[in-house]
Structures are given as C-alpha cells and as structure tokens.
Amino acid sequence: MKRSSSKVMLKLIVMIKPLMINMVIAILLGLAGHLAASFITILAGYGILGKIAFWPLAFIMLSLAVLRSVFRYGEQASNHYIAFKLLALIRDKVFGALRKLAPAKLEGKDAGDMISIITSDIELLEVFYAHTISPIVIASLFAMVMFAFIAHYHLGLGIVALVAYAVVGIVIPLLMNRLSKDKSLLFRNLSGDLSSFVLESLRGIKEIIQYDAGQKRLNMLQDLTNKLDHQENSLKKVMAFNVSITNLVVLAADMIMLFYGGYLFGHGIISFEAWLLAVLALFASFGPFIALANLGSGLQNTIAAGNRILDILEEKPLINDVINADASVFGAIEVQDISFSYKDETILKELSLNVEPRQILGIVGKSGSGKSTLLKLLMRFWQVDKGSIQIGEKDIAKINTCDLRKMESYVTQDTHLFHDTIKNNLKIAKLDATDEELIVACKKANIHDFIMSLPKGYETMVAELGASLSSGEKQRLNLARAFLHDGQLLLLDEPTSNLDSLNEALILNALRKVKDKTIIMVSHRESTLKSCDKIIKIDAGRIS
C-alpha cells in the first residue's frame, strides 16, 4: 500500500509513546546543546564590544564548550536508546504480525523480500528515531529562541532569520523529499528483489550447477545490481544537490543579514552592537536547520522502508486465532458441503465426508485435485468459503486455536528443518519432551537407529534447511515430530513419498499399531493406502 510521507511519519511517531519521557529528555538536551554552541560565538561578539572582561568571558565560553559536549552526548545517548529500543519493539511487532498472517497470507510471499524488510528496512528506522524526530522539535524551539533574541534588536532582522530558518529547515527538506520520493521507494523494492534473487540462487545452487545455468544467473544478478546501483547514484545526486542548495541558501541568508543590518546601522535605526550581535547570532545558528536539510533526501529512503514495514503490521490476516472459547472434546470429524477457492481458482466444491474416531481414512486423487488443501482446511490454515468442518460436533472455527493445534499432528510433503540439533528440531513438536519420549517417537518413525549412528546422536547439528540429510531422512524426522506431538488426529500428506519400500513398510506397520488415533492419509501409492479402513477419491474438488 502506498501511503503519503506524512501519514507514514505520523504512524511511526505514534510508536514512540512508551518512550516519550526519554524523547523529552533528548529534546531538552539537544536544545541546550545548540544554544550553548551558538552563544559561544555571540559571547565573542560581547568580548569584541568590550562588554565582558577577558577572563570571565574565557571561562564562560570554555564552560559552554564543555556543556555543549555534555549536552550533545546526552542527546545522542537518549536518541539512540529510543531508536534501538523501538527497533526491538518493532521487530517483535513484525514477527507477531507475521505469526498472525501465517500461513495463508504468507504462502507465495517472496522470502528474500521479507528478509530485506525484517533486517535492512527495520534498521533504516534508526535514522528516523535517532536523527529525525527530536531534531525537528529541537530546531522548532531553537528557531523561536533565536528569533526572539535577534528580533529584540530589530523586528526586521528577526524576520530575516526566521525566513532563513524556514527555507533551510522546511522548504529544502520538502523539495528534496519530493525529488527523491519515487526514487527511494524504487530503491527499497530493488534492494528486496536483489535479496530474493540471491537467496533463491543459493537455495538452487545444485540445480544451477547441474544445468550449467551459472552464467545466466550471474548475468541476471549483474542486471539487478546495475539497476540498484543506478538508482543509488540517482539518490546520491539528489543528496549532493541538497548539500549544494543548502550551503547556497545559508550563505545568501548570511549576506542578506549582513547588508540589511549594515543598511539599518547606516541609517541610524540600530546600533553597531545590535548589527554585530544579530549577524553573529545568525552565522552561529544554522546547525539545527542544516541537520534538517540533510534529512530531506535520506529521509525518503527511511519513509519507503517504514511504508513496507507498515504493510506487514497493518495487513489483515485471513484467519484469526480463536481464544477464550469453551473447552472442546475430540470426536468424529464431519466435513459438510464445503467449498473453497484460492483467489479465482476453485479447489474444492460441495465436498462432504465423515471420519469416525480411530478410523484410518485414505485419500487419493490427481495432483491439484484438492487433497492437500483439505488437510490445510482441517488444520484451519484457511477458512472454508461455504459449508463447515466439525470435530466432536463443534465447528473448528469455534474451537480455541491452541486446542485445535493440540488435537492435530500434521505431516506435510515438505519438511523444514532448522539449523540446530536433531533433538531441538524434534522438540519443536513438544517443547517439554523427555529423551525417552524422543526415542519412542523416533523408533516409530524408523529413524532412531540412523540418529544413533551419527557421531553426536541426537545432539548432531542439522545443516541449514536440512541439507545434510537425505529426503527420506528428513521425511522420517517429520513423522517423528508428528508421533512426538501425539495429537488425536494424525494428518499425513504423502508420508512415504520419499521412502524406499522397506522404510515404507516399517512406517505403515507403526501406523497400524496406532489404535487410539484418527488418521487421514493422502497418498499416490496404493501400497501406502492398504492399511486404511476406508479410501476415497477426490477429483476436481469433489469426491468421486
């Protein structure tokens, strides 16, 4: 969703609420620091005029220089504490939002782009929280103080200063913001595309080597890199123009103040003291506003990142978790006249079936007929468009989500393994599982002997994405997870597709011994379905 810059900034500012006290401290310290720096120069003017003796003046100026450092350090420390604390809170919110969106809204999402948002986009918000919000407030307060100081000598001089501050601190940032707006959003999107391409290439490195597609992928990578480089150069040109125009305006404002003050002095309207101090005050007071001017082009990059983060935080999940519902009891499963479409494609149409407790149901059908989709609907990963699914005479849409997850053990066609030990990869199914429970589950899945043959047994590390294991070994670990979870309903999606006939027979023998579970098994193998009490065929979304 494309939002205006002001809307994005407002939504990001609202997130500061828990740390508002820290922000007020940062603003006060920043204001004090800039005033201390400016009045060092102004006091030098008093020294030139002989208004203050040398040694007291030197002591005051030295004290202000030290205080300027202390205030500056305090401001930066406060701002960075706010920034990094908020980044942690935002990451927590983003992961919480992703948890709510999964799996329905995340299926088909670009993993590389998601990684780019979670990492680099969130990191970019550090600029906004540490170097944008408090500087804007500080510059506003500082402008009021300096206007009052200069205007008390002559209102016209004060207006010159105020106009100069407005041009440098408001007009230039807005101009640069407009020039870099689309460029920054495109840069962030290209950065996400590049991350996606690299991740995809690393995951498919075997296929790239096998089919000698390395040069083609390298050319595509170079093309993406060139596009990103071109966009970055375009942004840098805007930043360079920003610096140039800012310096030009500051110089012009200083000259206008100098000559206008000289004109007033020459006509006896103001004293030499007023002319000198007003000019020195303006010369020394552009620091906070130059900081704002420099934000103009860089800020839009941050706004673009914030916009992408807000897309995740504000996206509505397709399925909301059920909480605080009455306790549910597992029983017969009734699928009544359900229909389901994914986008514009009808997957299931008016499908009904009944599964009794402790029954083993087999499901066959062509690829794309809706077999796996039915299992996902039973897990309530998606919501049916029409009809209902009941467990124990209760619609699953009214069963507490955590209770539904406890009831069901789900084995998918693809097994995801984390870069962790085998033990921890298994315990994701039951965090408090004992070693004995792990062994029992792995023996049922015929994977225990293999694990014990490894140098470190259950403490053996698994490579990223399970690359150190074969497809069959990963599938048996997936089955072991399901046995360990010990749900009353066991949903198996092609549980033996990657197993040889011997391991298939051992797994099926283990399933036959499971007398207290309801099992729904999807498979293309007739040998796998021989152990089922009942077999149905799904064709074009219907039971045939």
Protein backbone atom coordinates (compact mmCIF):
# COMPACT_ATOMS: atom_id res chain seq x y z
CA MET A 1 0.00 0.00 0.00
CA LYS A 2 1.33 3.42 -0.95
CA ARG A 3 0.92 5.98 1.85
CA SER A 4 1.79 9.65 1.94
CA SER A 5 5.06 10.55 3.69
CA SER A 6 3.20 12.48 6.39
CA LYS A 7 0.95 9.51 7.12
CA VAL A 8 3.91 7.14 7.39
CA MET A 9 5.76 9.56 9.69
CA LEU A 10 2.69 10.01 11.89
CA LYS A 11 2.24 6.25 12.28
CA LEU A 12 5.95 5.83 13.12
CA ILE A 13 5.83 8.71 15.62
CA VAL A 14 2.89 7.10 17.46
CA MET A 15 5.15 4.14 18.23
CA ILE A 16 7.30 6.42 20.44
CA LYS A 17 4.57 6.66 23.09
CA PRO A 18 6.16 4.12 25.51
CA LEU A 19 9.42 6.14 25.44
CA MET A 20 8.00 9.67 25.49
CA ILE A 21 9.90 10.69 28.66
CA ASN A 22 13.19 9.73 27.03
CA MET A 23 12.24 11.74 23.95
CA VAL A 24 11.50 14.86 26.04
CA ILE A 25 14.91 14.50 27.73
CA ALA A 26 16.63 14.17 24.34
CA ILE A 27 14.86 17.30 23.05
CA LEU A 28 15.78 19.41 26.09
CA LEU A 29 19.41 18.27 25.98
CA GLY A 30 19.59 18.93 22.23
CA LEU A 31 18.11 22.42 22.59
CA ALA A 32 20.52 23.25 25.41
CA GLY A 33 23.45 21.95 23.35
CA HIS A 34 22.65 24.07 20.29
CA LEU A 35 22.06 27.17 22.40
CA ALA A 36 25.41 26.63 24.14
CA ALA A 37 27.18 26.31 20.77
CA SER A 38 25.52 29.42 19.32
CA PHE A 39 26.16 31.60 22.35
CA ILE A 40 29.87 30.84 22.28
CA THR A 41 30.00 32.89 19.06
CA ILE A 42 27.57 35.52 20.37
CA LEU A 43 29.65 35.94 23.55
CA ALA A 44 32.71 36.51 21.36
CA GLY A 45 30.81 39.49 19.98
CA TYR A 46 30.27 40.81 23.51
CA GLY A 47 34.02 40.43 24.02
CA ILE A 48 34.77 42.45 20.86
CA LEU A 49 32.45 45.15 22.11
CA GLY A 50 34.20 45.14 25.49
CA LYS A 51 31.01 44.27 27.34
CA ILE A 52 32.66 41.42 29.27
CA ALA A 53 36.19 41.22 30.67
CA PHE A 54 38.57 38.74 29.04
CA TRP A 55 38.99 36.17 31.82
CA PRO A 56 35.32 35.90 32.81
CA LEU A 57 34.46 35.72 29.12
CA ALA A 58 37.05 32.98 28.50
CA PHE A 59 35.74 30.99 31.48
CA ILE A 60 32.10 31.28 30.32
CA MET A 61 32.96 30.34 26.74
CA LEU A 62 35.02 27.36 27.91
CA SER A 63 32.20 26.25 30.20
CA LEU A 64 29.71 26.49 27.33
CA ALA A 65 32.03 24.42 25.12
CA VAL A 66 32.22 21.69 27.78
CA LEU A 67 28.46 21.84 28.39
CA ARG A 68 27.87 21.65 24.64
CA SER A 69 29.77 18.35 24.58
CA VAL A 70 27.90 17.00 27.61
CA PHE A 71 24.51 18.02 26.21
CA ARG A 72 25.36 16.62 22.79
CA TYR A 73 26.42 13.30 24.28
CA GLY A 74 23.28 13.14 26.41
CA GLU A 75 21.06 13.93 23.43
CA GLN A 76 22.69 11.28 21.22
CA ALA A 77 22.64 8.68 24.01
CA SER A 78 18.93 9.31 24.64
CA ASN A 79 18.04 9.29 20.95
CA HIS A 80 19.93 6.07 20.25
CA TYR A 81 18.44 4.40 23.31
CA ILE A 82 15.00 5.33 21.97
CA ALA A 83 15.90 4.17 18.46
CA PHE A 84 17.31 0.76 19.35
CA LYS A 85 14.63 0.09 21.96
CA LEU A 86 11.96 0.91 19.37
CA LEU A 87 13.66 -1.24 16.72
CA ALA A 88 13.44 -4.17 19.13
CA LEU A 89 9.76 -3.43 19.80
CA ILE A 90 9.05 -3.08 16.06
CA ARG A 91 10.78 -6.39 15.30
CA ASP A 92 8.64 -8.00 17.97
CA LYS A 93 5.51 -6.47 16.40
CA VAL A 94 6.55 -7.55 12.90
CA PHE A 95 7.17 -11.15 13.96
CA GLY A 96 3.87 -11.10 15.85
CA ALA A 97 2.12 -9.83 12.71
CA LEU A 98 3.80 -12.50 10.56
CA ARG A 99 2.65 -15.13 13.04
CA LYS A 100 -0.94 -13.95 12.61
CA LEU A 101 -0.63 -13.78 8.83
CA ALA A 102 0.85 -17.27 8.55
CA PRO A 103 0.35 -19.49 6.76
CA ALA A 104 -2.45 -18.27 4.48
CA LYS A 105 -1.21 -14.72 3.82
CA LEU A 106 2.47 -15.73 3.63
CA GLU A 107 2.09 -18.54 1.13
CA GLY A 108 3.67 -17.40 -2.11
CA LYS A 109 5.33 -14.37 -0.50
CA ASP A 110 8.87 -13.59 -1.61
CA ALA A 111 11.13 -14.86 1.20
CA GLY A 112 14.08 -12.68 0.18
CA ASP A 113 11.93 -9.55 0.18
CA MET A 114 10.57 -10.49 3.62
CA ILE A 115 14.14 -10.88 4.91
CA SER A 116 15.00 -7.46 3.48
CA ILE A 117 12.07 -5.89 5.34
CA ILE A 118 12.83 -7.64 8.63
CA THR A 119 16.53 -6.72 8.51
CA SER A 120 17.57 -3.69 6.46
CA ASP A 121 14.21 -1.89 6.36
CA ILE A 122 13.80 -2.01 10.13
CA GLU A 123 17.41 -0.95 10.59
CA LEU A 124 16.74 2.14 8.45
CA LEU A 125 14.18 3.32 11.02
CA GLU A 126 17.13 4.03 13.33
CA VAL A 127 17.73 7.19 11.25
CA PHE A 128 14.15 8.29 11.81
CA TYR A 129 14.04 7.67 15.56
CA ALA A 130 17.59 8.79 16.41
CA HIS A 131 18.13 11.63 13.92
CA THR A 132 14.77 12.94 12.76
CA ILE A 133 12.05 13.38 15.37
CA SER A 134 13.95 15.18 18.13
CA PRO A 135 15.97 17.34 15.63
CA ILE A 136 12.68 18.62 14.15
CA VAL A 137 11.35 19.61 17.59
CA ILE A 138 14.74 20.98 18.66
CA ALA A 139 15.01 23.12 15.51
CA SER A 140 11.48 24.49 16.05
CA LEU A 141 12.19 25.50 19.66
CA PHE A 142 15.64 26.81 18.75
CA ALA A 143 14.15 28.97 15.97
CA MET A 144 11.79 30.60 18.47
CA VAL A 145 14.60 31.38 20.91
CA MET A 146 16.92 32.81 18.23
CA PHE A 147 14.10 34.80 16.61
CA ALA A 148 13.30 36.37 19.98
CA PHE A 149 17.00 37.17 20.57
CA ILE A 150 17.59 38.75 17.13
CA ALA A 151 14.18 40.45 16.91
CA HIS A 152 14.70 42.29 20.20
CA TYR A 153 17.36 44.32 18.36
CA HIS A 154 15.09 44.86 15.34
CA LEU A 155 11.97 43.00 14.15
CA GLY A 156 13.12 43.07 10.51
CA LEU A 157 16.36 41.28 11.42
CA GLY A 158 14.36 38.67 13.33
CA ILE A 159 12.12 38.09 10.32
CA VAL A 160 15.17 37.65 8.06
CA ALA A 161 16.48 34.99 10.44
CA LEU A 162 13.09 33.26 10.69
CA VAL A 163 12.66 33.16 6.90
CA ALA A 164 16.19 31.76 6.53
CA TYR A 165 15.46 29.06 9.12
CA ALA A 166 12.19 28.16 7.35
CA VAL A 167 13.84 27.88 3.94
CA VAL A 168 16.72 25.73 5.21
CA GLY A 169 14.72 23.63 7.69
CA ILE A 170 11.37 23.29 5.88
CA VAL A 171 11.41 24.30 2.20
CA ILE A 172 14.63 22.48 1.25
CA PRO A 173 13.70 19.19 3.04
CA LEU A 174 10.26 19.22 1.39
CA LEU A 175 11.81 19.91 -2.01
CA MET A 176 14.37 17.12 -1.61
CA ASN A 177 11.65 14.83 -0.27
CA ARG A 178 9.62 15.38 -3.44
CA LEU A 179 12.64 14.86 -5.71
CA SER A 180 13.65 11.59 -4.04
CA LYS A 181 10.22 10.16 -3.17
CA ASP A 182 9.72 7.66 -6.00
CA LYS A 183 13.45 7.02 -6.28
CA SER A 184 13.66 5.89 -2.63
CA LEU A 185 10.68 3.54 -2.84
CA LEU A 186 12.06 2.00 -6.03
CA PHE A 187 15.48 1.65 -4.35
CA ARG A 188 13.97 -0.26 -1.39
CA ASN A 189 11.97 -2.52 -3.72
CA LEU A 190 15.03 -3.21 -5.88
CA SER A 191 17.02 -3.99 -2.75
CA GLY A 192 14.35 -6.53 -1.78
CA ASP A 193 14.41 -8.04 -5.28
CA LEU A 194 18.18 -8.44 -5.10
CA SER A 195 17.96 -10.15 -1.70
CA SER A 196 15.30 -12.50 -3.07
CA PHE A 197 17.38 -13.37 -6.11
CA VAL A 198 20.50 -14.12 -4.06
CA LEU A 199 18.53 -16.29 -1.60
CA GLU A 200 16.84 -18.16 -4.44
CA SER A 201 20.18 -18.72 -6.19
CA LEU A 202 21.80 -20.08 -3.03
CA ARG A 203 18.92 -22.47 -2.43
CA GLY A 204 19.03 -23.68 -6.02
CA ILE A 205 22.82 -23.84 -6.35
CA LYS A 206 22.76 -27.59 -7.12
CA GLU A 207 20.32 -27.16 -9.99
CA ILE A 208 22.26 -24.15 -11.31
CA ILE A 209 25.47 -26.22 -11.44
CA GLN A 210 23.68 -29.30 -12.79
CA TYR A 211 22.17 -27.49 -15.76
CA ASP A 212 25.14 -25.16 -16.31
CA ALA A 213 22.97 -22.09 -15.67
CA GLY A 214 25.61 -20.26 -13.68
CA GLN A 215 26.42 -17.64 -16.31
CA LYS A 216 22.75 -16.91 -16.91
CA ARG A 217 22.12 -16.42 -13.20
CA LEU A 218 25.26 -14.29 -12.94
CA ASN A 219 24.06 -12.07 -15.79
CA MET A 220 20.66 -11.70 -14.09
CA LEU A 221 22.40 -10.85 -10.81
CA GLN A 222 24.56 -8.27 -12.58
CA ASP A 223 21.46 -6.74 -14.18
CA LEU A 224 19.73 -6.40 -10.81
CA THR A 225 22.90 -4.98 -9.29
CA ASN A 226 23.24 -2.42 -12.09
CA LYS A 227 19.63 -1.31 -11.62
CA LEU A 228 20.19 -0.91 -7.88
CA ASP A 229 23.46 0.92 -8.47
CA HIS A 230 21.80 3.26 -10.98
CA GLN A 231 19.02 4.02 -8.52
CA GLU A 232 21.52 4.60 -5.69
CA ASN A 233 23.52 7.01 -7.88
CA SER A 234 20.30 8.84 -8.67
CA LEU A 235 19.62 9.24 -4.95
CA LYS A 236 23.19 10.41 -4.32
CA LYS A 237 22.81 13.11 -6.97
CA VAL A 238 19.74 14.37 -5.11
CA MET A 239 21.73 14.34 -1.85
CA ALA A 240 24.59 16.27 -3.49
CA PHE A 241 22.14 18.83 -4.83
CA ASN A 242 20.67 19.02 -1.34
CA VAL A 243 24.03 19.92 0.21
CA SER A 244 24.79 22.47 -2.52
CA ILE A 245 21.47 24.29 -2.33
CA THR A 246 21.58 24.30 1.50
CA ASN A 247 25.03 25.88 1.58
CA LEU A 248 23.98 28.42 -1.04
CA VAL A 249 20.89 29.44 0.95
CA VAL A 250 22.89 29.70 4.21
CA LEU A 251 25.48 31.91 2.51
CA ALA A 252 22.77 34.06 0.91
CA ALA A 253 20.96 34.45 4.25
CA ASP A 254 24.19 35.48 5.97
CA MET A 255 24.87 38.08 3.27
CA ILE A 256 21.32 39.44 3.45
CA MET A 257 21.57 39.77 7.23
CA LEU A 258 24.98 41.44 6.94
CA PHE A 259 23.92 44.01 4.34
CA TYR A 260 20.44 44.61 5.74
CA GLY A 261 21.92 45.15 9.20
CA GLY A 262 24.52 47.46 7.68
CA TYR A 263 21.77 49.42 5.99
CA LEU A 264 19.86 49.79 9.27
CA PHE A 265 23.06 50.81 11.09
CA GLY A 266 23.98 53.28 8.35
CA HIS A 267 20.59 54.98 8.71
CA GLY A 268 20.87 55.10 12.50
CA ILE A 269 18.00 52.70 13.05
CA ILE A 270 20.09 50.21 15.07
CA SER A 271 23.37 50.47 16.92
CA PHE A 272 26.64 48.85 15.85
CA GLU A 273 26.23 46.46 18.79
CA ALA A 274 22.83 45.31 17.50
CA TRP A 275 24.19 44.87 13.98
CA LEU A 276 27.21 42.85 15.09
CA LEU A 277 25.36 40.59 17.54
CA ALA A 278 22.46 39.95 15.15
CA VAL A 279 24.86 38.96 12.36
CA LEU A 280 26.92 36.72 14.68
CA ALA A 281 23.75 35.13 16.06
CA LEU A 282 22.57 34.19 12.56
CA PHE A 283 26.01 32.97 11.50
CA ALA A 284 26.14 30.65 14.53
CA SER A 285 22.56 29.38 14.45
CA PHE A 286 22.17 27.29 11.29
CA GLY A 287 23.35 23.99 12.82
CA PRO A 288 19.91 22.53 13.73
CA PHE A 289 18.41 23.58 10.40
CA ILE A 290 21.23 22.20 8.26
CA ALA A 291 20.64 18.89 10.06
CA LEU A 292 17.01 19.04 8.91
CA ALA A 293 18.00 19.99 5.37
CA ASN A 294 20.28 16.96 5.20
CA LEU A 295 17.35 14.76 6.14
CA GLY A 296 15.41 15.72 3.00
CA SER A 297 16.72 13.13 0.55
CA GLY A 298 17.83 10.49 3.05
CA LEU A 299 14.55 10.62 4.96
CA GLN A 300 12.53 9.45 1.97
CA ASN A 301 14.53 6.24 1.93
CA THR A 302 13.53 5.72 5.55
CA ILE A 303 9.90 6.59 4.78
CA ALA A 304 9.91 3.99 1.98
CA ALA A 305 11.25 1.40 4.43
CA GLY A 306 8.63 2.43 7.01
CA ASN A 307 5.90 2.08 4.39
CA ARG A 308 6.96 -1.52 3.68
CA ILE A 309 7.02 -2.33 7.40
CA LEU A 310 3.57 -0.81 7.90
CA ASP A 311 2.30 -3.00 5.06
CA ILE A 312 3.06 -6.01 7.25
CA LEU A 313 1.83 -4.52 10.52
CA GLU A 314 -1.47 -3.36 9.02
CA GLU A 315 -2.23 -6.34 6.79
CA LYS A 316 -5.31 -8.20 7.97
CA PRO A 317 -4.94 -11.98 8.48
CA LEU A 318 -7.28 -14.26 6.58
CA ILE A 319 -7.73 -16.40 9.68
CA ASN A 320 -7.96 -15.01 13.21
CA ASP A 321 -6.99 -17.22 16.12
CA VAL A 322 -9.85 -18.34 18.34
CA ILE A 323 -9.29 -17.68 22.05
CA ASN A 324 -11.41 -17.92 25.19
CA ALA A 325 -13.83 -20.42 23.66
CA ASP A 326 -15.24 -23.28 25.74
CA ALA A 327 -13.09 -26.38 26.04
CA SER A 328 -13.51 -28.85 23.17
CA VAL A 329 -13.54 -32.63 23.14
CA PHE A 330 -12.14 -34.59 20.20
CA GLY A 331 -14.63 -36.78 18.36
CA ALA A 332 -15.89 -37.65 14.91
CA ILE A 333 -14.90 -35.41 12.02
CA GLU A 334 -17.68 -34.16 9.77
CA VAL A 335 -16.97 -32.22 6.60
CA GLN A 336 -20.26 -30.84 5.42
CA ASP A 337 -20.72 -29.42 1.91
CA ILE A 338 -17.52 -27.38 1.93
CA SER A 339 -16.34 -25.25 -0.96
CA PHE A 340 -13.04 -23.42 -1.13
CA SER A 341 -11.38 -21.20 -3.70
CA TYR A 342 -7.85 -19.90 -3.76
CA LYS A 343 -8.01 -16.46 -5.34
CA ASP A 344 -10.04 -17.11 -8.53
CA GLU A 345 -9.38 -20.84 -8.69
CA THR A 346 -11.98 -23.25 -7.25
CA ILE A 347 -10.20 -26.03 -5.36
CA LEU A 348 -12.99 -27.86 -3.52
CA LYS A 349 -16.69 -27.81 -4.36
CA GLU A 350 -19.51 -29.10 -2.14
CA LEU A 351 -17.33 -31.81 -0.62
CA SER A 352 -18.62 -33.89 2.31
CA LEU A 353 -17.12 -36.76 4.26
CA ASN A 354 -17.27 -38.35 7.70
CA VAL A 355 -14.38 -39.83 9.69
CA GLU A 356 -15.11 -41.80 12.84
CA PRO A 357 -12.74 -41.76 15.83
CA ARG A 358 -9.78 -44.16 15.47
CA GLN A 359 -10.57 -44.68 11.78
CA ILE A 360 -7.84 -44.59 9.11
CA LEU A 361 -9.06 -42.73 6.03
CA GLY A 362 -7.08 -42.77 2.80
CA ILE A 363 -7.45 -40.06 0.13
CA VAL A 364 -6.30 -40.43 -3.47
CA GLY A 365 -6.62 -38.17 -6.48
CA LYS A 366 -4.70 -36.38 -9.19
CA SER A 367 -2.28 -33.59 -8.40
CA GLY A 368 -4.19 -30.34 -7.88
CA SER A 369 -7.46 -32.09 -7.06
CA GLY A 370 -7.57 -30.56 -3.57
CA LYS A 371 -6.24 -33.37 -1.33
CA SER A 372 -3.59 -31.28 0.46
CA THR A 373 -5.96 -28.30 0.60
CA LEU A 374 -8.46 -30.42 2.55
CA LEU A 375 -5.82 -31.19 5.18
CA LYS A 376 -4.97 -27.48 5.48
CA LEU A 377 -8.64 -26.67 5.94
CA LEU A 378 -8.81 -29.30 8.70
CA MET A 379 -5.86 -27.50 10.34
CA ARG A 380 -7.80 -24.22 9.77
CA PHE A 381 -4.89 -22.67 7.93
CA TRP A 382 -7.64 -21.35 5.66
CA GLN A 383 -11.34 -20.81 6.24
CA VAL A 384 -13.88 -22.61 4.03
CA ASP A 385 -15.92 -20.38 1.71
CA LYS A 386 -19.03 -22.44 2.26
CA GLY A 387 -20.11 -25.31 4.50
CA SER A 388 -18.45 -26.35 7.76
CA ILE A 389 -15.88 -28.66 9.28
CA GLN A 390 -16.76 -30.09 12.68
CA ILE A 391 -14.73 -32.04 15.21
CA GLY A 392 -16.71 -33.59 18.04
CA GLU A 393 -19.88 -31.86 16.74
CA LYS A 394 -18.23 -28.44 17.09
CA ASP A 395 -17.27 -26.19 14.19
CA ILE A 396 -13.48 -25.82 14.12
CA ALA A 397 -13.99 -22.06 13.66
CA LYS A 398 -15.29 -22.07 17.26
CA ILE A 399 -12.56 -24.25 18.76
CA ASN A 400 -9.67 -22.50 20.52
CA THR A 401 -6.81 -22.42 18.02
CA CYS A 402 -4.32 -23.74 20.59
CA ASP A 403 -6.72 -26.64 21.38
CA LEU A 404 -7.12 -27.42 17.69
CA ARG A 405 -3.34 -27.49 17.24
CA LYS A 406 -3.01 -29.90 20.19
CA MET A 407 -5.62 -32.19 18.66
CA GLU A 408 -3.88 -32.43 15.30
CA SER A 409 -0.48 -33.67 14.17
CA TYR A 410 0.27 -32.62 10.60
CA VAL A 411 2.93 -34.12 8.35
CA THR A 412 3.45 -32.09 5.18
CA GLN A 413 5.09 -33.10 1.91
CA ASP A 414 7.97 -30.69 2.55
CA THR A 415 9.97 -30.96 5.77
CA HIS A 416 11.54 -27.81 7.16
CA LEU A 417 14.49 -28.41 9.46
CA PHE A 418 16.23 -25.65 11.39
CA HIS A 419 19.97 -25.16 11.67
CA ASP A 420 20.02 -26.74 15.11
CA THR A 421 20.46 -30.14 16.76
CA ILE A 422 18.28 -33.09 15.82
CA LYS A 423 16.91 -33.07 19.35
CA ASN A 424 15.81 -29.43 19.14
CA ASN A 425 14.38 -29.97 15.67
CA LEU A 426 12.22 -32.74 17.10
CA LYS A 427 11.26 -30.89 20.28
CA ILE A 428 9.57 -28.15 18.28
CA ALA A 429 6.63 -30.59 18.29
CA LYS A 430 6.70 -30.83 22.10
CA LEU A 431 9.00 -28.42 23.91
CA ASP A 432 8.98 -30.30 27.22
CA ALA A 433 9.52 -33.76 25.69
CA THR A 434 11.83 -36.09 27.61
CA ASP A 435 14.66 -38.03 25.99
CA GLU A 436 12.61 -41.20 26.41
CA GLU A 437 9.69 -39.67 24.52
CA LEU A 438 12.03 -38.59 21.72
CA ILE A 439 13.40 -42.10 21.38
CA VAL A 440 9.92 -43.70 21.31
CA ALA A 441 8.75 -41.27 18.60
CA CYS A 442 11.89 -41.81 16.51
CA LYS A 443 11.61 -45.59 16.79
CA LYS A 444 8.03 -45.38 15.49
CA ALA A 445 9.32 -43.34 12.53
CA ASN A 446 12.22 -45.78 11.99
CA ILE A 447 14.82 -43.04 12.37
CA HIS A 448 16.28 -43.81 15.83
CA ASP A 449 18.97 -46.22 14.60
CA PHE A 450 20.12 -43.72 11.98
CA ILE A 451 20.35 -40.93 14.58
CA MET A 452 22.38 -43.13 16.93
CA SER A 453 24.80 -43.92 14.08
CA LEU A 454 25.73 -40.23 13.90
CA PRO A 455 28.82 -39.02 15.83
CA LYS A 456 26.80 -36.98 18.34
CA GLY A 457 23.50 -38.83 18.16
CA TYR A 458 20.55 -36.60 18.98
CA GLU A 459 22.93 -33.66 19.57
CA THR A 460 24.11 -33.75 15.93
CA MET A 461 23.70 -30.39 14.19
CA VAL A 462 21.47 -30.27 11.12
CA ALA A 463 22.71 -28.12 8.24
CA GLU A 464 20.61 -25.15 7.13
CA LEU A 465 17.33 -26.30 5.50
CA GLY A 466 18.32 -29.89 6.36
CA ALA A 467 20.92 -30.01 3.58
CA SER A 468 22.99 -32.59 5.47
CA LEU A 469 20.16 -35.17 5.37
CA SER A 470 18.52 -37.10 2.55
CA SER A 471 14.88 -36.57 1.60
CA GLY A 472 13.91 -39.85 3.23
CA GLU A 473 15.73 -39.00 6.47
CA LYS A 474 14.04 -35.60 6.61
CA GLN A 475 10.64 -37.17 6.00
CA ARG A 476 11.14 -39.69 8.81
CA LEU A 477 12.14 -36.89 11.17
CA ASN A 478 8.94 -35.13 10.16
CA LEU A 479 6.97 -38.26 11.04
CA ALA A 480 8.82 -38.48 14.35
CA ARG A 481 7.69 -34.94 15.12
CA ALA A 482 4.09 -35.96 14.48
CA PHE A 483 4.40 -39.01 16.74
CA LEU A 484 6.01 -36.85 19.44
CA HIS A 485 3.27 -34.22 19.21
CA ASP A 486 0.80 -37.04 19.90
CA GLY A 487 -2.31 -35.32 18.55
CA GLN A 488 -5.55 -37.29 18.43
CA LEU A 489 -5.88 -36.59 14.70
CA LEU A 490 -2.94 -37.51 12.50
CA LEU A 491 -2.93 -35.77 9.12
CA LEU A 492 -0.42 -37.29 6.71
CA ASP A 493 0.26 -35.67 3.33
CA GLU A 494 2.27 -38.15 1.22
CA PRO A 495 4.05 -39.56 4.32
CA THR A 496 6.04 -42.17 2.39
CA SER A 497 6.75 -40.39 -0.90
CA ASN A 498 10.49 -40.16 -0.19
CA LEU A 499 10.88 -43.57 1.43
CA ASP A 500 12.02 -46.86 -0.06
CA SER A 501 9.75 -49.91 0.16
CA LEU A 502 11.46 -51.22 3.31
CA ASN A 503 11.12 -47.97 5.27
CA GLU A 504 7.59 -47.53 3.90
CA ALA A 505 6.63 -50.94 5.27
CA LEU A 506 8.13 -50.12 8.68
CA ILE A 507 6.28 -46.78 8.87
CA LEU A 508 2.98 -48.34 7.83
CA ASN A 509 3.46 -51.09 10.36
CA ALA A 510 3.95 -48.41 13.02
CA LEU A 511 0.76 -46.65 11.88
CA ARG A 512 -1.20 -49.90 12.07
CA LYS A 513 -0.17 -50.24 15.70
CA VAL A 514 -1.62 -46.80 16.49
CA LYS A 515 -5.03 -47.78 17.81
CA ASP A 516 -6.00 -44.58 19.64
CA LYS A 517 -5.62 -42.09 16.75
CA THR A 518 -7.80 -40.93 13.91
CA ILE A 519 -5.66 -40.87 10.76
CA ILE A 520 -6.30 -39.13 7.44
CA MET A 521 -3.67 -40.08 4.89
CA VAL A 522 -3.12 -38.58 1.43
CA SER A 523 -1.01 -40.68 -0.91
CA HIS A 524 -0.49 -41.66 -4.54
CA ARG A 525 0.88 -45.05 -3.52
CA GLU A 526 -1.57 -47.94 -3.43
CA SER A 527 0.78 -49.79 -1.07
CA THR A 528 0.59 -46.92 1.43
CA LEU A 529 -3.21 -46.89 1.42
CA LYS A 530 -3.59 -50.64 2.00
CA SER A 531 -3.56 -50.06 5.74
CA CYS A 532 -6.58 -47.70 5.54
CA ASP A 533 -10.04 -48.67 6.77
CA LYS A 534 -11.63 -46.56 4.04
CA ILE A 535 -10.39 -44.93 0.83
CA ILE A 536 -11.99 -42.04 -1.04
CA LYS A 537 -11.02 -40.41 -4.31
CA ILE A 538 -11.13 -36.66 -4.89
CA ASP A 539 -11.49 -35.50 -8.47
CA ALA A 540 -11.87 -31.84 -9.49
CA GLY A 541 -12.67 -30.83 -5.92
CA ARG A 542 -15.36 -33.47 -5.36
CA ILE A 543 -15.47 -37.00 -4.00
CA SER A 544 -15.91 -39.33 -6.94
